[in-house]
Amino acid sequence: MPKDNFQEYVWLISRLRRGPATLAELADSFERSTLYNNKPLQPRTLYNWRDKVFDLFDIKIEYDKRDGRYHILEDGDHGGDRWLRWLVQSLAVQETISQRSHLSGRILLEYVPSGDTFLQPILEAMHLGKVIKMEYCRFGQVVGSDYEIEPYCVKVHNRRWYLLANARFHDKPKGDRCRLLIFALDRIVGLESTDLEFTYPEDFDPETYFSEYYGVWTDPNAPLETVLLRVDTVQRDYIETLPLHHTQRLVEKNDEYGVYELRLRPTLDFFLILMGLGSYAEVLAPERLRSLMADEISLLNDIYQGKI
């Protein structure tokens, strides 16, 4: 596929993400883009681009006869997957930077450690269903540990790539030879692909696996609890536009604060994000989590007052 065509498909998706448009409006936008090559956007060209967008990205672009506009069909089957949205957005940013090199120093992106070193071979192993041999060194370890893993999925959290894998332990009792573990890609020392194959379980869904947690820390022994969080007006809009968890819902609101309900299993990374909100938020329930927050705040107070 010619590179220019790929850029144009990404441009079309990005343009329609901003809102429906007529052929004339699309042609005008394209003419003002850096991709314009003195060839106006024709109906046949747009038709071909729509087909390619559907083939490559599973994103369906429909024409609405009522207003004469093209729009992206958002129904969960086409264009609704979050990973696909992320991919298209990433490609759009990449194409924008490449076409506007003079802006490269003015587009600031967050660095994600080891995404460029180990992500590609892990994704390749996931695609082929191949077992990976890995040397992994946790923080605090002097010598790394060797693992034989079946890569299930990868996830970004707090500027780090994580891998959820089924780790094989041949020296363990038969009933405990496989265990799902989380690995941070920036703590991988070495990676080696193998010819060993594994079958990804059809009934395993990564989103479901993480759905009761915040972030990547999982603990099935942690109780599933209803958390009530009171957030003042300074942070309330941030919490509403970027929810802490998919279960978050507003249960009370006034001029001074908002109270949010979340249903999840509180683990360490959720505790840390609550600490990061500082005095702008207060845990109202459950009492167990509220007490943990109070103890930690008391400890911090002692440290800053020089008592410890």
Protein backbone atom coordinates (compact mmCIF):
# COMPACT_ATOMS: atom_id res chain seq x y z
CA MET A 1 0.00 0.00 0.00
CA PRO A 2 1.46 3.41 -0.93
CA LYS A 3 2.36 5.44 2.16
CA ASP A 4 0.48 8.52 0.91
CA ASN A 5 -2.78 6.56 0.74
CA PHE A 6 -2.36 5.42 4.32
CA GLN A 7 -1.90 9.03 5.42
CA GLU A 8 -5.07 9.99 3.60
CA TYR A 9 -7.11 7.24 5.28
CA VAL A 10 -5.93 8.43 8.69
CA TRP A 11 -6.70 12.02 7.70
CA LEU A 12 -10.26 11.07 6.71
CA ILE A 13 -10.89 9.29 10.02
CA SER A 14 -9.46 12.19 12.00
CA ARG A 15 -11.52 14.75 10.07
CA LEU A 16 -14.81 12.86 10.57
CA ARG A 17 -14.00 12.29 14.25
CA ARG A 18 -14.43 16.06 14.59
CA GLY A 19 -17.91 15.87 13.11
CA PRO A 20 -19.94 14.88 10.00
CA ALA A 21 -19.14 16.66 6.75
CA THR A 22 -20.41 16.98 3.20
CA LEU A 23 -18.24 16.10 0.22
CA ALA A 24 -17.63 19.82 -0.36
CA GLU A 25 -16.59 20.32 3.26
CA LEU A 26 -14.27 17.32 3.11
CA ALA A 27 -12.77 18.55 -0.14
CA ASP A 28 -12.21 22.01 1.37
CA SER A 29 -10.55 20.53 4.47
CA PHE A 30 -8.38 18.27 2.34
CA GLU A 31 -7.31 21.17 0.14
CA ARG A 32 -6.12 23.03 3.23
CA SER A 33 -4.23 19.99 4.56
CA THR A 34 -0.55 19.25 3.99
CA LEU A 35 -1.56 16.11 2.05
CA TYR A 36 -3.13 18.11 -0.77
CA ASN A 37 -1.41 17.41 -4.09
CA ASN A 38 -3.34 19.80 -6.35
CA LYS A 39 -5.89 17.08 -7.04
CA PRO A 40 -9.37 17.93 -5.65
CA LEU A 41 -11.14 15.25 -3.65
CA GLN A 42 -13.55 13.48 -6.00
CA PRO A 43 -16.59 11.29 -5.14
CA ARG A 44 -14.89 8.16 -6.53
CA THR A 45 -11.75 8.84 -4.47
CA LEU A 46 -13.79 9.30 -1.32
CA TYR A 47 -15.69 6.07 -2.05
CA ASN A 48 -12.39 4.17 -2.34
CA TRP A 49 -11.06 5.71 0.87
CA ARG A 50 -14.21 4.68 2.74
CA ASP A 51 -13.75 1.07 1.58
CA LYS A 52 -10.10 1.06 2.63
CA VAL A 53 -10.88 2.57 6.04
CA PHE A 54 -13.39 -0.21 6.65
CA ASP A 55 -10.98 -2.93 5.45
CA LEU A 56 -8.00 -1.67 7.45
CA PHE A 57 -9.58 -0.31 10.62
CA ASP A 58 -13.08 -1.85 10.70
CA ILE A 59 -14.43 1.71 10.83
CA LYS A 60 -17.58 2.27 8.80
CA ILE A 61 -18.20 5.67 7.20
CA GLU A 62 -21.83 6.17 6.15
CA TYR A 63 -23.54 8.75 3.97
CA ASP A 64 -26.69 10.30 5.40
CA LYS A 65 -29.04 11.34 2.60
CA ARG A 66 -31.04 13.52 4.98
CA ASP A 67 -28.32 16.12 5.35
CA GLY A 68 -25.86 15.03 2.67
CA ARG A 69 -23.08 14.44 5.19
CA TYR A 70 -20.65 11.60 5.83
CA HIS A 71 -20.21 10.38 9.39
CA ILE A 72 -18.49 7.58 11.29
CA LEU A 73 -20.82 4.87 12.52
CA GLU A 74 -20.32 4.49 16.28
CA ASP A 75 -22.13 1.38 17.43
CA GLY A 76 -19.60 -0.87 19.11
CA ASP A 77 -19.15 -2.97 15.99
CA HIS A 78 -17.41 -0.36 13.89
CA GLY A 79 -14.97 2.12 15.31
CA GLY A 80 -16.04 1.71 18.91
CA ASP A 81 -13.09 -0.29 20.28
CA ARG A 82 -10.86 1.79 22.53
CA TRP A 83 -7.66 0.21 21.26
CA LEU A 84 -8.69 1.12 17.70
CA ARG A 85 -9.42 4.69 18.73
CA TRP A 86 -6.00 4.86 20.38
CA LEU A 87 -4.32 3.45 17.28
CA VAL A 88 -6.01 5.90 14.93
CA GLN A 89 -5.27 8.83 17.23
CA SER A 90 -1.63 7.80 17.50
CA LEU A 91 -1.32 7.46 13.74
CA ALA A 92 -3.00 10.82 13.25
CA VAL A 93 -0.55 12.52 15.61
CA GLN A 94 2.38 10.78 13.93
CA GLU A 95 1.24 11.88 10.49
CA THR A 96 0.62 15.43 11.73
CA ILE A 97 4.14 15.67 13.14
CA SER A 98 5.73 14.18 10.02
CA GLN A 99 3.87 16.61 7.78
CA ARG A 100 4.66 19.60 10.00
CA SER A 101 8.27 19.06 11.00
CA HIS A 102 8.63 22.67 12.11
CA LEU A 103 6.18 21.90 14.95
CA SER A 104 8.05 18.85 16.25
CA GLY A 105 9.59 20.76 19.15
CA ARG A 106 6.21 22.17 20.12
CA ILE A 107 4.35 18.84 20.38
CA LEU A 108 5.34 17.34 23.73
CA LEU A 109 4.62 13.67 24.35
CA GLU A 110 5.08 11.58 27.49
CA TYR A 111 7.89 9.05 27.37
CA VAL A 112 6.83 5.47 28.13
CA PRO A 113 9.91 3.42 29.17
CA SER A 114 10.76 0.24 27.21
CA GLY A 115 7.80 0.51 24.89
CA ASP A 116 10.21 0.62 21.97
CA THR A 117 12.46 -2.22 23.23
CA PHE A 118 10.25 -5.12 24.25
CA LEU A 119 6.74 -4.26 23.10
CA GLN A 120 7.22 -5.37 19.49
CA PRO A 121 8.51 -8.93 20.22
CA ILE A 122 5.79 -9.39 22.86
CA LEU A 123 3.07 -8.39 20.39
CA GLU A 124 4.61 -10.71 17.82
CA ALA A 125 4.51 -13.60 20.29
CA MET A 126 0.88 -12.77 21.14
CA HIS A 127 0.03 -12.81 17.43
CA LEU A 128 1.77 -16.14 16.76
CA GLY A 129 0.75 -17.81 20.03
CA LYS A 130 4.37 -18.40 21.04
CA VAL A 131 5.83 -18.88 24.51
CA ILE A 132 8.48 -16.36 25.61
CA LYS A 133 11.50 -16.90 27.84
CA MET A 134 12.16 -13.80 29.90
CA GLU A 135 14.65 -12.55 32.47
CA TYR A 136 12.91 -10.17 34.85
CA CYS A 137 14.37 -8.08 37.66
CA ARG A 138 11.92 -6.56 40.13
CA PHE A 139 12.77 -3.38 42.00
CA GLY A 140 14.97 -4.33 44.95
CA GLN A 141 16.31 -7.48 43.28
CA VAL A 142 20.03 -7.75 42.55
CA VAL A 143 19.75 -10.75 40.24
CA GLY A 144 16.88 -11.24 37.84
CA SER A 145 14.58 -14.26 37.72
CA ASP A 146 13.87 -16.42 34.68
CA TYR A 147 10.32 -16.98 33.49
CA GLU A 148 8.63 -18.97 30.78
CA ILE A 149 5.44 -17.13 29.92
CA GLU A 150 2.41 -17.16 27.67
CA PRO A 151 1.71 -13.48 26.80
CA TYR A 152 -2.01 -12.69 27.17
CA CYS A 153 -2.30 -8.91 26.88
CA VAL A 154 -0.45 -5.61 27.34
CA LYS A 155 -1.69 -2.49 29.09
CA VAL A 156 -0.45 1.07 29.64
CA HIS A 157 -0.85 2.56 33.11
CA ASN A 158 0.85 5.63 34.57
CA ARG A 159 3.35 5.91 31.70
CA ARG A 160 4.46 2.29 31.96
CA TRP A 161 3.75 -0.71 29.76
CA TYR A 162 2.64 -3.84 31.58
CA LEU A 163 2.28 -7.42 30.39
CA LEU A 164 -0.28 -9.87 31.75
CA ALA A 165 1.06 -13.36 31.15
CA ASN A 166 0.42 -16.93 32.17
CA ALA A 167 3.69 -17.95 33.82
CA ARG A 168 4.75 -21.58 33.66
CA PHE A 169 6.46 -23.13 36.71
CA HIS A 170 7.75 -26.62 35.92
CA ASP A 171 9.23 -27.10 39.41
CA LYS A 172 5.92 -26.46 41.20
CA PRO A 173 3.26 -29.01 42.19
CA LYS A 174 1.08 -29.99 39.25
CA GLY A 175 -1.89 -27.87 40.35
CA ASP A 176 0.23 -24.71 40.66
CA ARG A 177 2.33 -24.81 37.52
CA CYS A 178 0.59 -21.91 35.80
CA ARG A 179 -0.25 -18.53 37.29
CA LEU A 180 -1.34 -15.18 35.85
CA LEU A 181 1.25 -12.54 36.68
CA ILE A 182 1.82 -8.87 35.85
CA PHE A 183 5.21 -7.74 34.52
CA ALA A 184 6.40 -4.18 33.89
CA LEU A 185 8.20 -3.92 30.56
CA ASP A 186 10.80 -1.52 31.94
CA ARG A 187 11.97 -4.23 34.36
CA ILE A 188 12.53 -6.86 31.68
CA VAL A 189 16.26 -7.58 31.33
CA GLY A 190 16.11 -9.95 28.40
CA LEU A 191 13.56 -11.56 26.12
CA GLU A 192 13.84 -14.65 23.93
CA SER A 193 11.18 -16.04 21.63
CA THR A 194 10.70 -19.80 21.44
CA ASP A 195 9.08 -22.31 19.11
CA LEU A 196 6.79 -23.50 21.90
CA GLU A 197 3.14 -22.80 21.18
CA PHE A 198 0.27 -22.00 23.53
CA THR A 199 -3.45 -21.62 23.03
CA TYR A 200 -4.98 -18.36 24.18
CA PRO A 201 -8.13 -19.28 26.15
CA GLU A 202 -11.26 -18.27 24.24
CA ASP A 203 -13.16 -17.52 27.44
CA PHE A 204 -10.53 -15.09 28.77
CA ASP A 205 -11.29 -11.37 28.39
CA PRO A 206 -8.60 -8.90 29.55
CA GLU A 207 -11.08 -6.06 30.12
CA THR A 208 -13.17 -8.29 32.37
CA TYR A 209 -10.05 -9.43 34.21
CA PHE A 210 -9.13 -5.83 35.12
CA SER A 211 -12.68 -4.48 35.38
CA GLU A 212 -12.89 -4.64 39.19
CA TYR A 213 -9.58 -2.87 39.75
CA TYR A 214 -7.96 0.49 39.24
CA GLY A 215 -4.82 0.20 37.15
CA VAL A 216 -2.84 -3.05 36.90
CA TRP A 217 -2.55 -4.28 40.50
CA THR A 218 -4.96 -7.16 41.01
CA ASP A 219 -5.82 -9.12 44.13
CA PRO A 220 -8.82 -11.49 44.06
CA ASN A 221 -8.69 -11.60 47.88
CA ALA A 222 -9.35 -7.85 48.10
CA PRO A 223 -13.04 -7.27 48.90
CA LEU A 224 -15.32 -5.86 46.21
CA GLU A 225 -16.49 -2.64 47.83
CA THR A 226 -18.57 0.46 47.19
CA VAL A 227 -16.33 3.50 47.59
CA LEU A 228 -17.84 6.92 48.26
CA LEU A 229 -15.54 9.80 47.45
CA ARG A 230 -16.27 13.46 48.19
CA VAL A 231 -14.37 15.77 45.84
CA ASP A 232 -14.29 19.55 46.12
CA THR A 233 -14.97 21.90 43.22
CA VAL A 234 -11.24 22.29 42.41
CA GLN A 235 -10.91 18.64 41.38
CA ARG A 236 -14.53 17.76 40.61
CA ASP A 237 -14.40 18.68 36.92
CA TYR A 238 -11.19 16.67 36.48
CA ILE A 239 -12.82 13.61 38.06
CA GLU A 240 -15.91 13.98 35.88
CA THR A 241 -14.03 14.37 32.58
CA LEU A 242 -11.48 11.65 33.42
CA PRO A 243 -13.23 9.11 35.70
CA LEU A 244 -11.12 7.08 38.10
CA HIS A 245 -13.04 3.89 37.21
CA HIS A 246 -15.66 2.81 34.69
CA THR A 247 -18.20 2.29 37.52
CA GLN A 248 -17.88 5.88 38.73
CA ARG A 249 -21.15 7.78 39.01
CA LEU A 250 -22.17 11.07 40.58
CA VAL A 251 -24.57 10.63 43.52
CA GLU A 252 -24.58 14.13 45.00
CA LYS A 253 -23.55 17.58 43.81
CA ASN A 254 -23.68 21.13 45.14
CA ASP A 255 -21.67 24.35 44.86
CA GLU A 256 -18.93 23.05 47.17
CA TYR A 257 -18.35 19.41 46.24
CA GLY A 258 -19.48 16.30 44.41
CA VAL A 259 -19.86 12.81 45.85
CA TYR A 260 -18.94 9.91 43.58
CA GLU A 261 -19.65 6.21 43.95
CA LEU A 262 -17.26 3.57 42.62
CA ARG A 263 -17.58 -0.20 42.79
CA LEU A 264 -14.18 -1.93 42.77
CA ARG A 265 -11.58 -3.87 44.72
CA PRO A 266 -9.27 -1.24 46.29
CA THR A 267 -5.63 -2.24 45.85
CA LEU A 268 -2.39 -0.33 46.36
CA ASP A 269 -2.48 1.66 43.13
CA PHE A 270 -6.02 2.87 43.89
CA PHE A 271 -4.88 3.84 47.39
CA LEU A 272 -1.97 5.80 45.88
CA ILE A 273 -4.20 7.70 43.44
CA LEU A 274 -6.46 8.68 46.34
CA MET A 275 -3.43 9.92 48.27
CA GLY A 276 -2.45 11.92 45.22
CA LEU A 277 -5.72 13.85 45.39
CA GLY A 278 -4.61 15.20 48.77
CA SER A 279 -7.02 17.44 50.65
CA TYR A 280 -9.19 17.90 47.56
CA ALA A 281 -10.89 14.54 48.18
CA GLU A 282 -12.18 12.62 51.18
CA VAL A 283 -13.05 8.94 51.38
CA LEU A 284 -16.50 8.64 53.01
CA ALA A 285 -16.80 4.86 52.72
CA PRO A 286 -15.91 2.09 53.30
CA GLU A 287 -14.64 2.64 56.82
CA ARG A 288 -11.71 0.27 56.24
CA LEU A 289 -10.35 2.38 53.39
CA ARG A 290 -11.11 5.62 55.24
CA SER A 291 -9.07 4.36 58.24
CA LEU A 292 -6.16 3.40 55.99
CA MET A 293 -6.17 6.90 54.51
CA ALA A 294 -6.28 8.48 57.97
CA ASP A 295 -3.37 6.33 59.20
CA GLU A 296 -1.25 7.22 56.18
CA ILE A 297 -2.01 10.94 56.53
CA SER A 298 -1.11 10.78 60.23
CA LEU A 299 2.18 9.08 59.36
CA LEU A 300 2.98 11.74 56.77
CA ASN A 301 2.17 14.46 59.29
CA ASP A 302 4.63 12.93 61.77
CA ILE A 303 7.32 12.70 59.09
CA TYR A 304 6.93 16.35 58.01
CA GLN A 305 6.91 17.53 61.63
CA GLY A 306 10.14 15.69 62.27
CA LYS A 307 8.65 13.27 64.76
CA ILE A 308 9.95 10.27 62.81
